[in-house]
Amino acid sequence: MSTPYGSYFLDLTGASDRTPFAGVEQTITTTPGATYALSFALGVNQSVSYEAGPVTVSASASASASASAGLTSGLFTVNPAGSGNIWTMETQDFTAAEDTTLISIVGSVGADYIGLDDVSVDLIQAVPEPTALALFAAALASLCYIRRSHAL
């Protein structure tokens, strides 16, 4: 198998090739209230019948390992037409609730091959800083005062 994103990738089916499949998780530093995009590539080999799709992974971003603390979770299924080793990019947005967020991607459905590669988390929208809001409010108040004094 190969990947367009480098020399290595992770096969979530592991050595057993049956459920429960493997997964990866990592806790990252986040800013509460900020919005992030979790992106990753899913691979499937359509040329080999027992490795062909569909494949599904469960991706989540949560404040802790507790299932009740989940912020966002989603199932991503790939069943591409054609042949060969096919990779698709998947993206899921989430808003952080804490200073750290647990990112988890686990294989859910597949036969002998669920490829995972090119995982990234990117900031989409930062939380406005209170000093920036105060500065904006002061500038707006000044403009209103100037306009009002010229109107008199």
Protein backbone atom coordinates (compact mmCIF):
# COMPACT_ATOMS: atom_id res chain seq x y z
CA MET A 1 0.00 0.00 0.00
CA SER A 2 1.06 3.58 -0.53
CA THR A 3 -0.06 7.05 0.47
CA PRO A 4 0.13 10.37 -1.36
CA TYR A 5 1.02 12.14 1.92
CA GLY A 6 4.45 10.66 2.66
CA SER A 7 6.16 7.36 3.27
CA TYR A 8 3.98 5.95 6.06
CA PHE A 9 0.34 5.69 7.10
CA LEU A 10 -1.60 3.89 9.82
CA ASP A 11 -3.78 0.84 9.10
CA LEU A 12 -6.56 0.91 11.71
CA THR A 13 -7.50 -2.75 11.16
CA GLY A 14 -4.34 -3.77 13.00
CA ALA A 15 -3.23 -7.38 13.16
CA SER A 16 -6.68 -8.91 13.79
CA ASP A 17 -8.55 -7.47 10.77
CA ARG A 18 -11.84 -7.57 12.67
CA THR A 19 -13.65 -5.47 15.24
CA PRO A 20 -12.81 -3.91 17.53
CA PHE A 21 -10.49 -1.98 15.26
CA ALA A 22 -7.60 0.14 16.43
CA GLY A 23 -7.56 3.88 16.82
CA VAL A 24 -5.40 6.81 17.76
CA GLU A 25 -5.90 9.62 20.22
CA GLN A 26 -3.97 12.64 21.36
CA THR A 27 -4.68 15.50 23.73
CA ILE A 28 -3.92 18.89 22.20
CA THR A 29 -3.81 22.41 23.62
CA THR A 30 -6.84 24.46 22.58
CA THR A 31 -8.46 27.80 23.42
CA PRO A 32 -11.96 27.55 24.93
CA GLY A 33 -14.53 28.99 22.51
CA ALA A 34 -12.23 28.80 19.48
CA THR A 35 -13.29 26.80 16.43
CA TYR A 36 -10.94 24.23 14.90
CA ALA A 37 -10.97 21.91 11.88
CA LEU A 38 -9.92 18.28 12.34
CA SER A 39 -8.79 16.91 8.96
CA PHE A 40 -7.51 13.49 7.97
CA ALA A 41 -7.15 11.22 4.95
CA LEU A 42 -8.93 7.86 4.76
CA GLY A 43 -7.58 5.17 2.47
CA VAL A 44 -9.08 2.04 0.97
CA ASN A 45 -7.71 -0.43 -1.56
CA GLN A 46 -10.42 -1.06 -4.16
CA SER A 47 -8.26 -3.49 -6.17
CA VAL A 48 -8.34 -6.28 -3.58
CA SER A 49 -11.80 -7.62 -2.78
CA TYR A 50 -11.15 -8.29 0.90
CA GLU A 51 -9.64 -4.80 1.37
CA ALA A 52 -12.28 -2.89 -0.62
CA GLY A 53 -14.65 -0.35 0.88
CA PRO A 54 -16.72 0.76 2.47
CA VAL A 55 -14.57 1.75 5.42
CA THR A 56 -15.77 3.90 8.31
CA VAL A 57 -14.04 5.69 11.16
CA SER A 58 -15.43 7.49 14.18
CA ALA A 59 -13.73 10.84 14.85
CA SER A 60 -14.31 12.89 17.98
CA ALA A 61 -13.06 15.97 19.78
CA SER A 62 -13.92 16.04 23.47
CA ALA A 63 -12.93 17.75 26.70
CA SER A 64 -11.85 14.41 28.21
CA ALA A 65 -11.87 10.66 27.65
CA SER A 66 -15.37 10.52 29.17
CA ALA A 67 -18.01 9.76 26.54
CA SER A 68 -20.41 12.21 28.21
CA ALA A 69 -17.92 15.03 27.68
CA GLY A 70 -17.93 14.65 23.89
CA LEU A 71 -18.10 17.93 22.04
CA THR A 72 -18.27 16.63 18.51
CA SER A 73 -18.24 13.22 16.96
CA GLY A 74 -18.95 11.92 13.51
CA LEU A 75 -18.80 8.84 11.33
CA PHE A 76 -16.92 9.13 8.07
CA THR A 77 -17.49 6.47 5.40
CA VAL A 78 -15.46 6.04 2.22
CA ASN A 79 -16.60 3.74 -0.60
CA PRO A 80 -15.02 5.16 -3.74
CA ALA A 81 -15.58 3.86 -7.24
CA GLY A 82 -12.62 2.69 -9.26
CA SER A 83 -9.62 0.60 -8.45
CA GLY A 84 -6.34 0.98 -6.66
CA ASN A 85 -5.37 2.55 -3.40
CA ILE A 86 -7.76 5.52 -3.04
CA TRP A 87 -7.46 8.29 -0.43
CA THR A 88 -10.07 10.92 0.46
CA MET A 89 -9.77 13.92 2.77
CA GLU A 90 -12.35 14.29 5.53
CA THR A 91 -12.91 17.34 7.75
CA GLN A 92 -14.88 17.93 10.93
CA ASP A 93 -15.17 21.28 12.74
CA PHE A 94 -15.40 21.56 16.50
CA THR A 95 -15.45 24.30 19.14
CA ALA A 96 -13.12 23.75 22.10
CA ALA A 97 -14.63 23.86 25.58
CA GLU A 98 -11.44 23.53 27.60
CA ASP A 99 -7.72 24.36 27.49
CA THR A 100 -7.09 20.84 26.19
CA THR A 101 -9.08 18.67 23.79
CA LEU A 102 -8.84 14.92 23.24
CA ILE A 103 -8.81 14.06 19.53
CA SER A 104 -9.74 10.45 18.76
CA ILE A 105 -10.04 8.54 15.47
CA VAL A 106 -11.11 4.88 15.64
CA GLY A 107 -11.87 2.36 12.89
CA SER A 108 -15.54 1.31 12.86
CA VAL A 109 -16.21 -0.60 9.63
CA GLY A 110 -13.78 -2.29 7.29
CA ALA A 111 -12.41 -5.63 6.25
CA ASP A 112 -8.66 -5.87 6.01
CA TYR A 113 -7.54 -2.29 5.50
CA ILE A 114 -8.60 1.13 6.88
CA GLY A 115 -5.89 3.64 6.01
CA LEU A 116 -5.39 6.80 8.07
CA ASP A 117 -2.94 9.57 7.18
CA ASP A 118 -2.31 13.32 7.15
CA VAL A 119 -4.14 14.12 10.41
CA SER A 120 -4.15 17.80 11.35
CA VAL A 121 -6.00 20.27 13.57
CA ASP A 122 -6.15 23.88 12.35
CA LEU A 123 -7.57 26.99 14.00
CA ILE A 124 -10.54 28.33 12.01
CA GLN A 125 -11.85 31.11 14.24
CA ALA A 126 -10.14 32.50 17.31
CA VAL A 127 -12.01 33.88 20.29
CA PRO A 128 -12.10 37.70 20.24
CA GLU A 129 -9.80 39.10 22.91
CA PRO A 130 -11.46 41.37 25.51
CA THR A 131 -8.88 44.12 24.94
CA ALA A 132 -9.65 44.19 21.22
CA LEU A 133 -13.37 44.47 21.95
CA ALA A 134 -12.76 47.30 24.44
CA LEU A 135 -10.60 49.15 21.91
CA PHE A 136 -13.29 48.76 19.24
CA ALA A 137 -15.98 50.04 21.63
CA ALA A 138 -13.85 53.07 22.57
CA ALA A 139 -13.25 53.92 18.91
CA LEU A 140 -16.94 53.60 18.13
CA ALA A 141 -17.87 55.83 21.08
CA SER A 142 -15.34 58.44 19.92
CA LEU A 143 -16.78 58.46 16.42
CA CYS A 144 -20.30 58.89 17.80
CA TYR A 145 -19.12 61.76 20.04
CA ILE A 146 -17.34 63.54 17.15
CA ARG A 147 -20.34 63.16 14.87
CA ARG A 148 -22.71 64.41 17.57
CA SER A 149 -20.54 67.44 18.43
CA HIS A 150 -20.37 68.44 14.74
CA ALA A 151 -24.13 68.14 14.44
CA LEU A 152 -24.73 70.66 17.22
